[in-house]
C-alpha atoms as a PDB file:
ATOM      1  CA  MET A   1     -69.847  12.522   0.827  1.00  0.00           C
ATOM      2  CA  GLY A   2     -67.923  15.155  -1.082  1.00  0.00           C
ATOM      3  CA  VAL A   3     -65.739  17.970   0.119  1.00  0.00           C
ATOM      4  CA  ASP A   4     -67.455  20.895   1.794  1.00  0.00           C
ATOM      5  CA  ALA A   5     -65.883  24.365   1.702  1.00  0.00           C
ATOM      6  CA  VAL A   6     -66.403  26.120   5.019  1.00  0.00           C
ATOM      7  CA  LEU A   7     -65.642  29.768   5.770  1.00  0.00           C
ATOM      8  CA  TYR A   8     -64.441  30.208   9.331  1.00  0.00           C
ATOM      9  CA  ARG A   9     -63.733  33.375  11.246  1.00  0.00           C
ATOM     10  CA  GLN A  10     -61.463  33.638  14.240  1.00  0.00           C
ATOM     11  CA  ILE A  11     -63.305  34.384  17.477  1.00  0.00           C
ATOM     12  CA  SER A  12     -60.356  34.385  19.868  1.00  0.00           C
ATOM     13  CA  ALA A  13     -56.629  34.681  19.407  1.00  0.00           C
ATOM     14  CA  GLY A  14     -55.837  32.095  22.041  1.00  0.00           C
ATOM     15  CA  ASN A  15     -53.340  32.622  24.776  1.00  0.00           C
ATOM     16  CA  GLY A  16     -49.874  31.237  25.126  1.00  0.00           C
ATOM     17  CA  ARG A  17     -50.067  27.591  24.245  1.00  0.00           C
ATOM     18  CA  HIS A  18     -53.660  27.495  22.948  1.00  0.00           C
ATOM     19  CA  ARG A  19     -54.573  27.688  19.279  1.00  0.00           C
ATOM     20  CA  PRO A  20     -57.006  30.331  18.074  1.00  0.00           C
ATOM     21  CA  ALA A  21     -60.681  29.414  18.125  1.00  0.00           C
ATOM     22  CA  TYR A  22     -62.826  29.638  14.981  1.00  0.00           C
ATOM     23  CA  VAL A  23     -66.522  29.562  14.192  1.00  0.00           C
ATOM     24  CA  SER A  24     -68.143  28.524  10.917  1.00  0.00           C
ATOM     25  CA  ILE A  25     -69.957  31.386   9.196  1.00  0.00           C
ATOM     26  CA  GLU A  26     -70.831  29.922   5.771  1.00  0.00           C
ATOM     27  CA  VAL A  27     -70.747  26.504   4.105  1.00  0.00           C
ATOM     28  CA  VAL A  28     -70.709  25.449   0.472  1.00  0.00           C
ATOM     29  CA  ALA A  29     -71.796  21.836   0.852  1.00  0.00           C
ATOM     30  CA  ASP A  30     -70.975  19.240  -1.791  1.00  0.00           C
ATOM     31  CA  PRO A  31     -73.161  16.177  -1.205  1.00  0.00           C
ATOM     32  CA  GLN A  32     -72.997  15.202  -4.900  1.00  0.00           C
ATOM     33  CA  ASP A  33     -69.168  15.286  -5.207  1.00  0.00           C
ATOM     34  CA  VAL A  34     -69.275  18.132  -7.727  1.00  0.00           C
ATOM     35  CA  LEU A  35     -65.977  19.607  -6.536  1.00  0.00           C
ATOM     36  CA  LEU A  36     -64.213  16.250  -6.561  1.00  0.00           C
ATOM     37  CA  ASP A  37     -65.407  15.552 -10.107  1.00  0.00           C
ATOM     38  CA  LEU A  38     -64.130  18.946 -11.277  1.00  0.00           C
ATOM     39  CA  LEU A  39     -60.808  18.453  -9.516  1.00  0.00           C
ATOM     40  CA  LYS A  40     -60.283  15.137 -11.302  1.00  0.00           C
ATOM     41  CA  ARG A  41     -60.440  17.022 -14.608  1.00  0.00           C
ATOM     42  CA  VAL A  42     -57.715  19.533 -13.699  1.00  0.00           C
ATOM     43  CA  ARG A  43     -55.569  17.717 -11.133  1.00  0.00           C
ATOM     44  CA  GLY A  44     -51.900  17.412 -11.993  1.00  0.00           C
ATOM     45  CA  GLY A  45     -52.004  19.867 -14.874  1.00  0.00           C
ATOM     46  CA  GLY A  46     -49.928  22.417 -12.964  1.00  0.00           C
ATOM     47  CA  ARG A  47     -52.605  25.098 -12.999  1.00  0.00           C
ATOM     48  CA  THR A  48     -54.262  24.268  -9.660  1.00  0.00           C
ATOM     49  CA  PRO A  49     -51.505  23.425  -7.150  1.00  0.00           C
ATOM     50  CA  LEU A  50     -53.556  24.581  -4.173  1.00  0.00           C
ATOM     51  CA  LEU A  51     -56.725  22.733  -5.178  1.00  0.00           C
ATOM     52  CA  ASP A  52     -54.632  19.672  -6.079  1.00  0.00           C
ATOM     53  CA  ARG A  53     -54.062  19.315  -2.326  1.00  0.00           C
ATOM     54  CA  VAL A  54     -57.777  18.930  -1.530  1.00  0.00           C
ATOM     55  CA  ASP A  55     -58.192  15.557   0.175  1.00  0.00           C
ATOM     56  CA  PRO A  56     -61.583  13.813   0.009  1.00  0.00           C
ATOM     57  CA  LEU A  57     -60.857  12.215   3.372  1.00  0.00           C
ATOM     58  CA  GLY A  58     -59.008  15.065   5.086  1.00  0.00           C
ATOM     59  CA  GLU A  59     -58.910  18.807   5.497  1.00  0.00           C
ATOM     60  CA  LEU A  60     -57.106  21.607   3.680  1.00  0.00           C
ATOM     61  CA  THR A  61     -56.977  25.040   5.307  1.00  0.00           C
ATOM     62  CA  VAL A  62     -56.515  28.088   3.083  1.00  0.00           C
ATOM     63  CA  GLY A  63     -55.831  31.403   4.800  1.00  0.00           C
ATOM     64  CA  THR A  64     -56.893  34.855   3.677  1.00  0.00           C
ATOM     65  CA  GLU A  65     -53.489  35.546   2.148  1.00  0.00           C
ATOM     66  CA  ARG A  66     -54.019  32.675  -0.348  1.00  0.00           C
ATOM     67  CA  MET A  67     -57.422  33.852  -1.611  1.00  0.00           C
ATOM     68  CA  PRO A  68     -56.014  35.469  -4.799  1.00  0.00           C
ATOM     69  CA  GLN A  69     -54.414  32.124  -5.695  1.00  0.00           C
ATOM     70  CA  LEU A  70     -57.605  30.225  -4.844  1.00  0.00           C
ATOM     71  CA  LEU A  71     -59.706  32.562  -6.977  1.00  0.00           C
ATOM     72  CA  GLY A  72     -57.315  32.056  -9.898  1.00  0.00           C
ATOM     73  CA  GLU A  73     -57.538  28.300  -9.529  1.00  0.00           C
ATOM     74  CA  LEU A  74     -61.331  28.479  -9.363  1.00  0.00           C
ATOM     75  CA  ARG A  75     -61.206  30.261 -12.737  1.00  0.00           C
ATOM     76  CA  CYS A  76     -59.337  27.186 -14.045  1.00  0.00           C
ATOM     77  CA  LEU A  77     -62.147  25.000 -12.704  1.00  0.00           C
ATOM     78  CA  ALA A  78     -64.671  27.231 -14.435  1.00  0.00           C
ATOM     79  CA  GLU A  79     -63.003  26.387 -17.751  1.00  0.00           C
ATOM     80  CA  VAL A  80     -63.920  22.688 -17.412  1.00  0.00           C
ATOM     81  CA  VAL A  81     -67.503  22.955 -16.130  1.00  0.00           C
ATOM     82  CA  GLY A  82     -70.308  21.540 -18.187  1.00  0.00           C
ATOM     83  CA  ALA A  83     -73.461  21.031 -16.190  1.00  0.00           C
ATOM     84  CA  PRO A  84     -75.381  23.894 -14.571  1.00  0.00           C
ATOM     85  CA  VAL A  85     -74.797  22.346 -11.129  1.00  0.00           C
ATOM     86  CA  GLU A  86     -71.034  22.598 -11.742  1.00  0.00           C
ATOM     87  CA  ILE A  87     -71.272  26.232 -12.820  1.00  0.00           C
ATOM     88  CA  ASP A  88     -73.314  27.047  -9.725  1.00  0.00           C
ATOM     89  CA  HIS A  89     -70.859  25.262  -7.448  1.00  0.00           C
ATOM     90  CA  VAL A  90     -67.828  27.111  -8.821  1.00  0.00           C
ATOM     91  CA  HIS A  91     -69.693  30.431  -8.489  1.00  0.00           C
ATOM     92  CA  ARG A  92     -70.563  29.679  -4.862  1.00  0.00           C
ATOM     93  CA  LEU A  93     -66.943  28.732  -4.102  1.00  0.00           C
ATOM     94  CA  ALA A  94     -65.700  31.956  -5.690  1.00  0.00           C
ATOM     95  CA  ARG A  95     -68.191  33.998  -3.655  1.00  0.00           C
ATOM     96  CA  LEU A  96     -66.969  32.252  -0.501  1.00  0.00           C
ATOM     97  CA  ALA A  97     -63.341  33.017  -1.410  1.00  0.00           C
ATOM     98  CA  ARG A  98     -64.162  36.690  -2.034  1.00  0.00           C
ATOM     99  CA  ARG A  99     -65.892  36.908   1.359  1.00  0.00           C
ATOM    100  CA  CYS A 100     -62.818  35.379   2.976  1.00  0.00           C
ATOM    101  CA  ALA A 101     -60.500  37.808   1.176  1.00  0.00           C
ATOM    102  CA  GLU A 102     -62.405  40.727   2.692  1.00  0.00           C
ATOM    103  CA  ARG A 103     -61.494  39.633   6.218  1.00  0.00           C
ATOM    104  CA  SER A 104     -58.190  39.385   8.029  1.00  0.00           C
ATOM    105  CA  ASP A 105     -59.560  36.918  10.581  1.00  0.00           C
ATOM    106  CA  ALA A 106     -60.895  34.242   8.239  1.00  0.00           C
ATOM    107  CA  GLU A 107     -59.937  31.050   6.477  1.00  0.00           C
ATOM    108  CA  ILE A 108     -61.572  28.470   4.244  1.00  0.00           C
ATOM    109  CA  ARG A 109     -61.328  24.817   5.089  1.00  0.00           C
ATOM    110  CA  PHE A 110     -62.013  22.166   2.478  1.00  0.00           C
ATOM    111  CA  GLU A 111     -63.395  19.382   4.672  1.00  0.00           C
ATOM    112  CA  GLY A 112     -63.621  15.864   3.328  1.00  0.00           C
ATOM    113  CA  ASP A 113     -65.655  13.046   4.801  1.00  0.00           C
END
């Protein structure tokens, strides 16, 4: 279960009526629902509008242009961590977001079960 964060990079721009194709290049898996537990603590407080849209049963795509916002919201998550596993998870998500921000052909997808 949980919501995995997956960094994708575009491998083709598509042509005409076809959508671009992407390939997964890194995954921050969440089999213990760490992200969902953290999100419950901050959801609705107005400080994490992007992360508030993470759906445990769906998918949220965040493009490169939104990485500064995502990194800011991850700092809000870092304020409510307690356990070492939570600290590690937030650090891995931030590293993934920084990697995405370095590319113009990437996006992060938060993929629920």
